[in-house]
PDB file of N, CA and C in Angstrom:
ATOM      1  N   UNK A   1       1.237 -13.362 -11.624  1.00  0.00           N
ATOM      2  CA  UNK A   1       0.402 -12.346 -11.049  1.00  0.00           C
ATOM      3  C   UNK A   1      -0.918 -12.469 -11.669  1.00  0.00           C
ATOM      4  N   UNK A   2      -1.918 -11.652 -11.167  1.00  0.00           N
ATOM      5  CA  UNK A   2      -3.203 -11.590 -11.881  1.00  0.00           C
ATOM      6  C   UNK A   2      -3.331 -10.676 -12.926  1.00  0.00           C
ATOM      7  N   UNK A   3      -4.546 -10.412 -13.295  1.00  0.00           N
ATOM      8  CA  UNK A   3      -4.764  -9.374 -14.337  1.00  0.00           C
ATOM      9  C   UNK A   3      -4.466  -7.963 -13.720  1.00  0.00           C
ATOM     10  N   UNK A   4      -3.736  -7.202 -14.414  1.00  0.00           N
ATOM     11  CA  UNK A   4      -3.364  -5.901 -13.966  1.00  0.00           C
ATOM     12  C   UNK A   4      -3.979  -4.676 -14.952  1.00  0.00           C
ATOM     13  N   UNK A   5      -3.466  -3.641 -14.679  1.00  0.00           N
ATOM     14  CA  UNK A   5      -3.963  -2.439 -15.438  1.00  0.00           C
ATOM     15  C   UNK A   5      -2.549  -1.910 -15.945  1.00  0.00           C
ATOM     16  N   UNK A   6      -2.545  -1.448 -17.160  1.00  0.00           N
ATOM     17  CA  UNK A   6      -1.392  -0.996 -17.765  1.00  0.00           C
ATOM     18  C   UNK A   6      -1.603   0.595 -17.791  1.00  0.00           C
ATOM     19  N   UNK A   7      -0.501   1.385 -17.163  1.00  0.00           N
ATOM     20  CA  UNK A   7      -0.543   2.807 -17.159  1.00  0.00           C
ATOM     21  C   UNK A   7       0.774   3.301 -17.678  1.00  0.00           C
ATOM     22  N   UNK A   8       0.737   4.307 -18.548  1.00  0.00           N
ATOM     23  CA  UNK A   8       2.002   4.886 -19.172  1.00  0.00           C
ATOM     24  C   UNK A   8       2.682   5.783 -18.096  1.00  0.00           C
ATOM     25  N   UNK A   9       4.007   5.775 -18.098  1.00  0.00           N
ATOM     26  CA  UNK A   9       4.878   6.590 -17.312  1.00  0.00           C
ATOM     27  C   UNK A   9       4.896   7.984 -17.935  1.00  0.00           C
ATOM     28  N   UNK A  10       4.579   9.100 -17.253  1.00  0.00           N
ATOM     29  CA  UNK A  10       4.629  10.289 -17.867  1.00  0.00           C
ATOM     30  C   UNK A  10       6.085  10.859 -17.966  1.00  0.00           C
ATOM     31  N   UNK A  11       6.251  12.033 -18.528  1.00  0.00           N
ATOM     32  CA  UNK A  11       7.678  12.569 -18.662  1.00  0.00           C
ATOM     33  C   UNK A  11       8.273  12.918 -17.330  1.00  0.00           C
ATOM     34  N   UNK A  12       7.473  13.170 -16.421  1.00  0.00           N
ATOM     35  CA  UNK A  12       7.975  13.323 -14.919  1.00  0.00           C
ATOM     36  C   UNK A  12       8.208  12.145 -14.235  1.00  0.00           C
ATOM     37  N   UNK A  13       7.947  10.787 -14.723  1.00  0.00           N
ATOM     38  CA  UNK A  13       8.309   9.573 -14.114  1.00  0.00           C
ATOM     39  C   UNK A  13       7.142   9.131 -13.239  1.00  0.00           C
ATOM     40  N   UNK A  14       5.868   9.811 -13.289  1.00  0.00           N
ATOM     41  CA  UNK A  14       4.715   9.513 -12.693  1.00  0.00           C
ATOM     42  C   UNK A  14       3.870   8.480 -13.278  1.00  0.00           C
ATOM     43  N   UNK A  15       3.163   7.815 -12.463  1.00  0.00           N
ATOM     44  CA  UNK A  15       2.150   6.689 -12.817  1.00  0.00           C
ATOM     45  C   UNK A  15       0.804   7.105 -11.984  1.00  0.00           C
ATOM     46  N   UNK A  16      -0.230   6.952 -12.648  1.00  0.00           N
ATOM     47  CA  UNK A  16      -1.636   7.166 -12.070  1.00  0.00           C
ATOM     48  C   UNK A  16      -1.999   5.924 -11.452  1.00  0.00           C
ATOM     49  N   UNK A  17      -2.313   5.798 -10.170  1.00  0.00           N
ATOM     50  CA  UNK A  17      -2.846   4.637  -9.547  1.00  0.00           C
ATOM     51  C   UNK A  17      -4.412   4.667  -9.878  1.00  0.00           C
ATOM     52  N   UNK A  18      -4.906   3.562 -10.424  1.00  0.00           N
ATOM     53  CA  UNK A  18      -6.332   3.588 -10.753  1.00  0.00           C
ATOM     54  C   UNK A  18      -7.243   3.806  -9.614  1.00  0.00           C
ATOM     55  N   UNK A  19      -8.327   4.618  -9.839  1.00  0.00           N
ATOM     56  CA  UNK A  19      -9.202   5.019  -8.737  1.00  0.00           C
ATOM     57  C   UNK A  19      -9.808   3.908  -8.033  1.00  0.00           C
ATOM     58  N   UNK A  20     -10.093   2.716  -8.731  1.00  0.00           N
ATOM     59  CA  UNK A  20     -10.685   1.516  -8.143  1.00  0.00           C
ATOM     60  C   UNK A  20      -9.651   1.005  -7.132  1.00  0.00           C
ATOM     61  N   UNK A  21      -8.413   1.011  -7.368  1.00  0.00           N
ATOM     62  CA  UNK A  21      -7.435   0.441  -6.549  1.00  0.00           C
ATOM     63  C   UNK A  21      -7.444   1.455  -5.277  1.00  0.00           C
ATOM     64  N   UNK A  22      -7.304   2.771  -5.457  1.00  0.00           N
ATOM     65  CA  UNK A  22      -7.322   3.618  -4.295  1.00  0.00           C
ATOM     66  C   UNK A  22      -8.474   3.462  -3.431  1.00  0.00           C
ATOM     67  N   UNK A  23      -9.667   3.380  -4.070  1.00  0.00           N
ATOM     68  CA  UNK A  23     -10.850   3.100  -3.295  1.00  0.00           C
ATOM     69  C   UNK A  23     -10.775   1.841  -2.414  1.00  0.00           C
ATOM     70  N   UNK A  24     -10.342   0.753  -3.106  1.00  0.00           N
ATOM     71  CA  UNK A  24     -10.112  -0.551  -2.392  1.00  0.00           C
ATOM     72  C   UNK A  24      -9.229  -0.410  -1.132  1.00  0.00           C
ATOM     73  N   UNK A  25      -8.199   0.353  -1.159  1.00  0.00           N
ATOM     74  CA  UNK A  25      -7.407   0.579  -0.138  1.00  0.00           C
ATOM     75  C   UNK A  25      -7.765   1.704   0.799  1.00  0.00           C
ATOM     76  N   UNK A  26      -8.772   2.308   0.332  1.00  0.00           N
ATOM     77  CA  UNK A  26      -9.200   3.478   1.208  1.00  0.00           C
ATOM     78  C   UNK A  26      -8.184   4.630   1.257  1.00  0.00           C
ATOM     79  N   UNK A  27      -7.597   4.801   0.220  1.00  0.00           N
ATOM     80  CA  UNK A  27      -6.577   5.813   0.029  1.00  0.00           C
ATOM     81  C   UNK A  27      -7.204   7.291  -0.114  1.00  0.00           C
ATOM     82  N   UNK A  28      -6.886   8.235   0.689  1.00  0.00           N
ATOM     83  CA  UNK A  28      -7.443   9.551   0.584  1.00  0.00           C
ATOM     84  C   UNK A  28      -6.315  10.487  -0.061  1.00  0.00           C
ATOM     85  N   UNK A  29      -6.633  11.021  -1.146  1.00  0.00           N
ATOM     86  CA  UNK A  29      -5.776  12.075  -1.749  1.00  0.00           C
ATOM     87  C   UNK A  29      -5.360  13.105  -0.987  1.00  0.00           C
ATOM     88  N   UNK A  30      -4.020  13.440  -1.126  1.00  0.00           N
ATOM     89  CA  UNK A  30      -3.327  14.480  -0.428  1.00  0.00           C
ATOM     90  C   UNK A  30      -3.185  14.230   1.179  1.00  0.00           C
ATOM     91  N   UNK A  31      -3.538  12.994   1.593  1.00  0.00           N
ATOM     92  CA  UNK A  31      -3.566  12.651   3.086  1.00  0.00           C
ATOM     93  C   UNK A  31      -2.604  11.401   3.121  1.00  0.00           C
ATOM     94  N   UNK A  32      -2.936  10.281   2.322  1.00  0.00           N
ATOM     95  CA  UNK A  32      -2.208   8.992   2.596  1.00  0.00           C
ATOM     96  C   UNK A  32      -0.877   9.019   1.746  1.00  0.00           C
ATOM     97  N   UNK A  33      -0.059   8.128   2.021  1.00  0.00           N
ATOM     98  CA  UNK A  33       1.179   7.872   1.353  1.00  0.00           C
ATOM     99  C   UNK A  33       1.346   6.401   0.982  1.00  0.00           C
ATOM    100  N   UNK A  34       2.266   6.237   0.006  1.00  0.00           N
ATOM    101  CA  UNK A  34       2.624   4.791  -0.329  1.00  0.00           C
ATOM    102  C   UNK A  34       4.038   4.544  -0.031  1.00  0.00           C
ATOM    103  N   UNK A  35       4.421   3.440   0.414  1.00  0.00           N
ATOM    104  CA  UNK A  35       5.696   2.935   0.559  1.00  0.00           C
ATOM    105  C   UNK A  35       6.066   2.270  -0.752  1.00  0.00           C
ATOM    106  N   UNK A  36       7.345   2.516  -1.199  1.00  0.00           N
ATOM    107  CA  UNK A  36       7.585   2.002  -2.608  1.00  0.00           C
ATOM    108  C   UNK A  36       9.027   1.362  -2.330  1.00  0.00           C
ATOM    109  N   UNK A  37       8.985   0.141  -2.809  1.00  0.00           N
ATOM    110  CA  UNK A  37      10.344  -0.565  -2.753  1.00  0.00           C
ATOM    111  C   UNK A  37      10.533  -1.649  -3.884  1.00  0.00           C
ATOM    112  N   UNK A  38      11.701  -2.022  -4.103  1.00  0.00           N
ATOM    113  CA  UNK A  38      12.025  -3.163  -5.089  1.00  0.00           C
ATOM    114  C   UNK A  38      11.922  -4.414  -4.349  1.00  0.00           C
ATOM    115  N   UNK A  39      11.320  -5.314  -5.262  1.00  0.00           N
ATOM    116  CA  UNK A  39      11.342  -6.686  -4.851  1.00  0.00           C
ATOM    117  C   UNK A  39      11.525  -7.684  -5.968  1.00  0.00           C
ATOM    118  N   UNK A  40      12.808  -8.092  -6.131  1.00  0.00           N
ATOM    119  CA  UNK A  40      13.370  -8.807  -7.202  1.00  0.00           C
ATOM    120  C   UNK A  40      13.342  -7.924  -8.462  1.00  0.00           C
ATOM    121  N   UNK A  41      12.578  -8.166  -9.572  1.00  0.00           N
ATOM    122  CA  UNK A  41      12.515  -7.292 -10.619  1.00  0.00           C
ATOM    123  C   UNK A  41      11.177  -6.517 -10.687  1.00  0.00           C
ATOM    124  N   UNK A  42      10.419  -6.251  -9.490  1.00  0.00           N
ATOM    125  CA  UNK A  42       9.215  -5.505  -9.397  1.00  0.00           C
ATOM    126  C   UNK A  42       9.346  -4.381  -8.638  1.00  0.00           C
ATOM    127  N   UNK A  43       8.683  -3.322  -8.954  1.00  0.00           N
ATOM    128  CA  UNK A  43       8.341  -2.276  -8.074  1.00  0.00           C
ATOM    129  C   UNK A  43       7.067  -2.406  -7.337  1.00  0.00           C
ATOM    130  N   UNK A  44       7.120  -2.406  -5.892  1.00  0.00           N
ATOM    131  CA  UNK A  44       6.030  -2.716  -5.165  1.00  0.00           C
ATOM    132  C   UNK A  44       5.521  -1.427  -4.420  1.00  0.00           C
ATOM    133  N   UNK A  45       4.232  -1.137  -4.580  1.00  0.00           N
ATOM    134  CA  UNK A  45       3.505   0.001  -3.868  1.00  0.00           C
ATOM    135  C   UNK A  45       2.769  -0.598  -2.786  1.00  0.00           C
ATOM    136  N   UNK A  46       2.837   0.011  -1.565  1.00  0.00           N
ATOM    137  CA  UNK A  46       2.087  -0.464  -0.384  1.00  0.00           C
ATOM    138  C   UNK A  46       1.515   0.674   0.332  1.00  0.00           C
ATOM    139  N   UNK A  47       0.172   0.767   0.682  1.00  0.00           N
ATOM    140  CA  UNK A  47      -0.259   1.928   1.543  1.00  0.00           C
ATOM    141  C   UNK A  47       0.728   2.063   2.728  1.00  0.00           C
ATOM    142  N   UNK A  48       1.168   3.165   3.005  1.00  0.00           N
ATOM    143  CA  UNK A  48       1.975   3.510   4.150  1.00  0.00           C
ATOM    144  C   UNK A  48       1.064   3.428   5.385  1.00  0.00           C
ATOM    145  N   UNK A  49       1.572   2.683   6.398  1.00  0.00           N
ATOM    146  CA  UNK A  49       0.924   2.605   7.597  1.00  0.00           C
ATOM    147  C   UNK A  49       1.990   2.682   8.728  1.00  0.00           C
ATOM    148  N   UNK A  50       2.058   3.879   9.322  1.00  0.00           N
ATOM    149  CA  UNK A  50       3.201   4.205  10.366  1.00  0.00           C
ATOM    150  C   UNK A  50       3.075   3.104  11.468  1.00  0.00           C
ATOM    151  N   UNK A  51       4.322   2.588  11.731  1.00  0.00           N
ATOM    152  CA  UNK A  51       4.382   1.535  12.942  1.00  0.00           C
ATOM    153  C   UNK A  51       5.155   2.153  13.886  1.00  0.00           C
ATOM    154  N   UNK A  52       5.101   1.502  15.264  1.00  0.00           N
ATOM    155  CA  UNK A  52       5.896   2.073  16.354  1.00  0.00           C
ATOM    156  C   UNK A  52       7.473   1.974  16.073  1.00  0.00           C
ATOM    157  N   UNK A  53       8.101   3.034  16.416  1.00  0.00           N
ATOM    158  CA  UNK A  53       9.601   3.005  16.045  1.00  0.00           C
ATOM    159  C   UNK A  53      10.462   2.082  16.770  1.00  0.00           C
ATOM    160  N   UNK A  54       9.849   1.534  17.858  1.00  0.00           N
ATOM    161  CA  UNK A  54      10.547   0.610  18.797  1.00  0.00           C
ATOM    162  C   UNK A  54      10.230  -0.857  18.487  1.00  0.00           C
ATOM    163  N   UNK A  55       8.887  -1.077  18.408  1.00  0.00           N
ATOM    164  CA  UNK A  55       8.394  -2.630  18.204  1.00  0.00           C
ATOM    165  C   UNK A  55       7.896  -2.802  16.970  1.00  0.00           C
ATOM    166  N   UNK A  56       7.719  -1.800  16.032  1.00  0.00           N
ATOM    167  CA  UNK A  56       7.213  -1.920  14.810  1.00  0.00           C
ATOM    168  C   UNK A  56       5.729  -2.567  14.537  1.00  0.00           C
ATOM    169  N   UNK A  57       4.893  -2.483  15.618  1.00  0.00           N
ATOM    170  CA  UNK A  57       3.568  -2.924  15.520  1.00  0.00           C
ATOM    171  C   UNK A  57       2.780  -1.775  14.937  1.00  0.00           C
ATOM    172  N   UNK A  58       1.733  -2.182  14.297  1.00  0.00           N
ATOM    173  CA  UNK A  58       0.738  -1.329  13.565  1.00  0.00           C
ATOM    174  C   UNK A  58      -0.345  -1.042  14.815  1.00  0.00           C
ATOM    175  N   UNK A  59      -0.941   0.075  14.879  1.00  0.00           N
ATOM    176  CA  UNK A  59      -2.004   0.365  15.819  1.00  0.00           C
ATOM    177  C   UNK A  59      -1.895   1.637  16.206  1.00  0.00           C
ATOM    178  N   UNK A  60      -2.856   2.143  17.141  1.00  0.00           N
ATOM    179  CA  UNK A  60      -2.781   3.496  17.679  1.00  0.00           C
ATOM    180  C   UNK A  60      -1.352   3.953  18.241  1.00  0.00           C
ATOM    181  N   UNK A  61      -0.874   5.062  17.892  1.00  0.00           N
ATOM    182  CA  UNK A  61       0.398   5.509  18.423  1.00  0.00           C
ATOM    183  C   UNK A  61       0.279   6.937  18.607  1.00  0.00           C
ATOM    184  N   UNK A  62       1.242   7.496  19.418  1.00  0.00           N
ATOM    185  CA  UNK A  62       1.313   8.913  19.530  1.00  0.00           C
ATOM    186  C   UNK A  62       2.778   9.313  18.588  1.00  0.00           C
ATOM    187  N   UNK A  63       2.630  10.642  18.211  1.00  0.00           N
ATOM    188  CA  UNK A  63       3.842  11.136  17.553  1.00  0.00           C
ATOM    189  C   UNK A  63       4.729  11.870  18.540  1.00  0.00           C
ATOM    190  N   UNK A  64       5.946  11.425  18.531  1.00  0.00           N
ATOM    191  CA  UNK A  64       6.916  12.177  19.317  1.00  0.00           C
ATOM    192  C   UNK A  64       8.029  12.566  18.635  1.00  0.00           C
ATOM    193  N   UNK A  65       8.278  13.711  18.331  1.00  0.00           N
ATOM    194  CA  UNK A  65       9.427  14.273  17.536  1.00  0.00           C
ATOM    195  C   UNK A  65       9.536  13.722  16.188  1.00  0.00           C
ATOM    196  N   UNK A  66       8.386  13.460  15.625  1.00  0.00           N
ATOM    197  CA  UNK A  66       8.427  12.861  14.298  1.00  0.00           C
ATOM    198  C   UNK A  66       8.523  11.322  14.370  1.00  0.00           C
ATOM    199  N   UNK A  67       8.364  10.629  15.429  1.00  0.00           N
ATOM    200  CA  UNK A  67       8.422   9.114  15.532  1.00  0.00           C
ATOM    201  C   UNK A  67       7.143   8.734  16.063  1.00  0.00           C
ATOM    202  N   UNK A  68       6.559   7.583  15.588  1.00  0.00           N
ATOM    203  CA  UNK A  68       5.387   7.014  16.207  1.00  0.00           C
ATOM    204  C   UNK A  68       5.826   6.067  17.296  1.00  0.00           C
ATOM    205  N   UNK A  69       5.193   6.117  18.438  1.00  0.00           N
ATOM    206  CA  UNK A  69       5.492   5.293  19.658  1.00  0.00           C
ATOM    207  C   UNK A  69       4.028   4.832  20.031  1.00  0.00           C
ATOM    208  N   UNK A  70       4.053   3.455  20.288  1.00  0.00           N
ATOM    209  CA  UNK A  70       2.686   2.845  20.695  1.00  0.00           C
ATOM    210  C   UNK A  70       2.642   2.899  22.157  1.00  0.00           C
ATOM    211  N   UNK A  71       1.452   2.702  22.542  1.00  0.00           N
ATOM    212  CA  UNK A  71       1.125   2.949  24.146  1.00  0.00           C
ATOM    213  C   UNK A  71       1.899   1.870  24.825  1.00  0.00           C
ATOM    214  N   UNK A  72       2.074   0.684  24.509  1.00  0.00           N
ATOM    215  CA  UNK A  72       2.969  -0.249  25.167  1.00  0.00           C
ATOM    216  C   UNK A  72       4.445   0.289  25.409  1.00  0.00           C
ATOM    217  N   UNK A  73       5.014   0.745  24.406  1.00  0.00           N
ATOM    218  CA  UNK A  73       6.397   1.234  24.375  1.00  0.00           C
ATOM    219  C   UNK A  73       6.292   2.462  25.215  1.00  0.00           C
ATOM    220  N   UNK A  74       5.422   3.304  25.243  1.00  0.00           N
ATOM    221  CA  UNK A  74       5.414   4.513  26.193  1.00  0.00           C
ATOM    222  C   UNK A  74       5.483   4.113  27.635  1.00  0.00           C
ATOM    223  N   UNK A  75       4.726   3.043  27.852  1.00  0.00           N
ATOM    224  CA  UNK A  75       4.656   2.507  29.358  1.00  0.00           C
ATOM    225  C   UNK A  75       6.091   1.928  29.685  1.00  0.00           C
ATOM    226  N   UNK A  76       6.641   1.248  28.749  1.00  0.00           N
ATOM    227  CA  UNK A  76       7.836   0.794  29.115  1.00  0.00           C
ATOM    228  C   UNK A  76       8.997   1.764  29.222  1.00  0.00           C
ATOM    229  N   UNK A  77       8.935   2.872  28.430  1.00  0.00           N
ATOM    230  CA  UNK A  77       9.737   4.011  28.583  1.00  0.00           C
ATOM    231  C   UNK A  77       9.508   4.595  29.871  1.00  0.00           C
ATOM    232  N   UNK A  78       8.343   4.792  30.264  1.00  0.00           N
ATOM    233  CA  UNK A  78       8.007   5.466  31.686  1.00  0.00           C
ATOM    234  C   UNK A  78       8.572   4.632  32.796  1.00  0.00           C
ATOM    235  N   UNK A  79       8.494   3.244  32.695  1.00  0.00           N
ATOM    236  CA  UNK A  79       9.057   2.471  33.856  1.00  0.00           C
ATOM    237  C   UNK A  79      10.650   2.555  33.775  1.00  0.00           C
ATOM    238  N   UNK A  80      11.298   2.716  32.566  1.00  0.00           N
ATOM    239  CA  UNK A  80      12.646   2.939  32.570  1.00  0.00           C
ATOM    240  C   UNK A  80      13.028   4.255  33.243  1.00  0.00           C
ATOM    241  N   UNK A  81      12.337   5.270  32.949  1.00  0.00           N
ATOM    242  CA  UNK A  81      12.413   6.574  33.615  1.00  0.00           C
ATOM    243  C   UNK A  81      12.382   6.527  35.068  1.00  0.00           C
ATOM    244  N   UNK A  82      11.441   5.781  35.546  1.00  0.00           N
ATOM    245  CA  UNK A  82      11.264   5.507  36.906  1.00  0.00           C
ATOM    246  C   UNK A  82      12.442   4.843  37.612  1.00  0.00           C
ATOM    247  N   UNK A  83      13.100   3.922  36.961  1.00  0.00           N
ATOM    248  CA  UNK A  83      14.189   3.345  37.366  1.00  0.00           C
ATOM    249  C   UNK A  83      15.421   4.131  37.623  1.00  0.00           C
ATOM    250  N   UNK A  84      15.503   5.009  36.651  1.00  0.00           N
ATOM    251  CA  UNK A  84      16.805   5.918  36.639  1.00  0.00           C
ATOM    252  C   UNK A  84      16.534   7.214  37.620  1.00  0.00           C
ATOM    253  N   UNK A  85      15.312   7.384  38.186  1.00  0.00           N
ATOM    254  CA  UNK A  85      15.142   8.543  39.113  1.00  0.00           C
ATOM    255  C   UNK A  85      15.754   8.281  40.398  1.00  0.00           C
TER     256      UNK A  85
END
């Protein structure tokens, strides 16, 4: 890996993400979230970007019952509804 920044873990298990990194990713405090997962012997943080629950594509989507659904999948669902009418 490249040059990193060393941060101490506090007694609550928290680590502060450097402002420069947050700025580079356009992370807004109290609005954005991070996806956290293990990859081999590393903890990986990635800015969370919701994807469509059906096709998993990024992009504009609508929230339905807590799930993100993209326009293409909404159109496909509408055609399925037409078929069962």
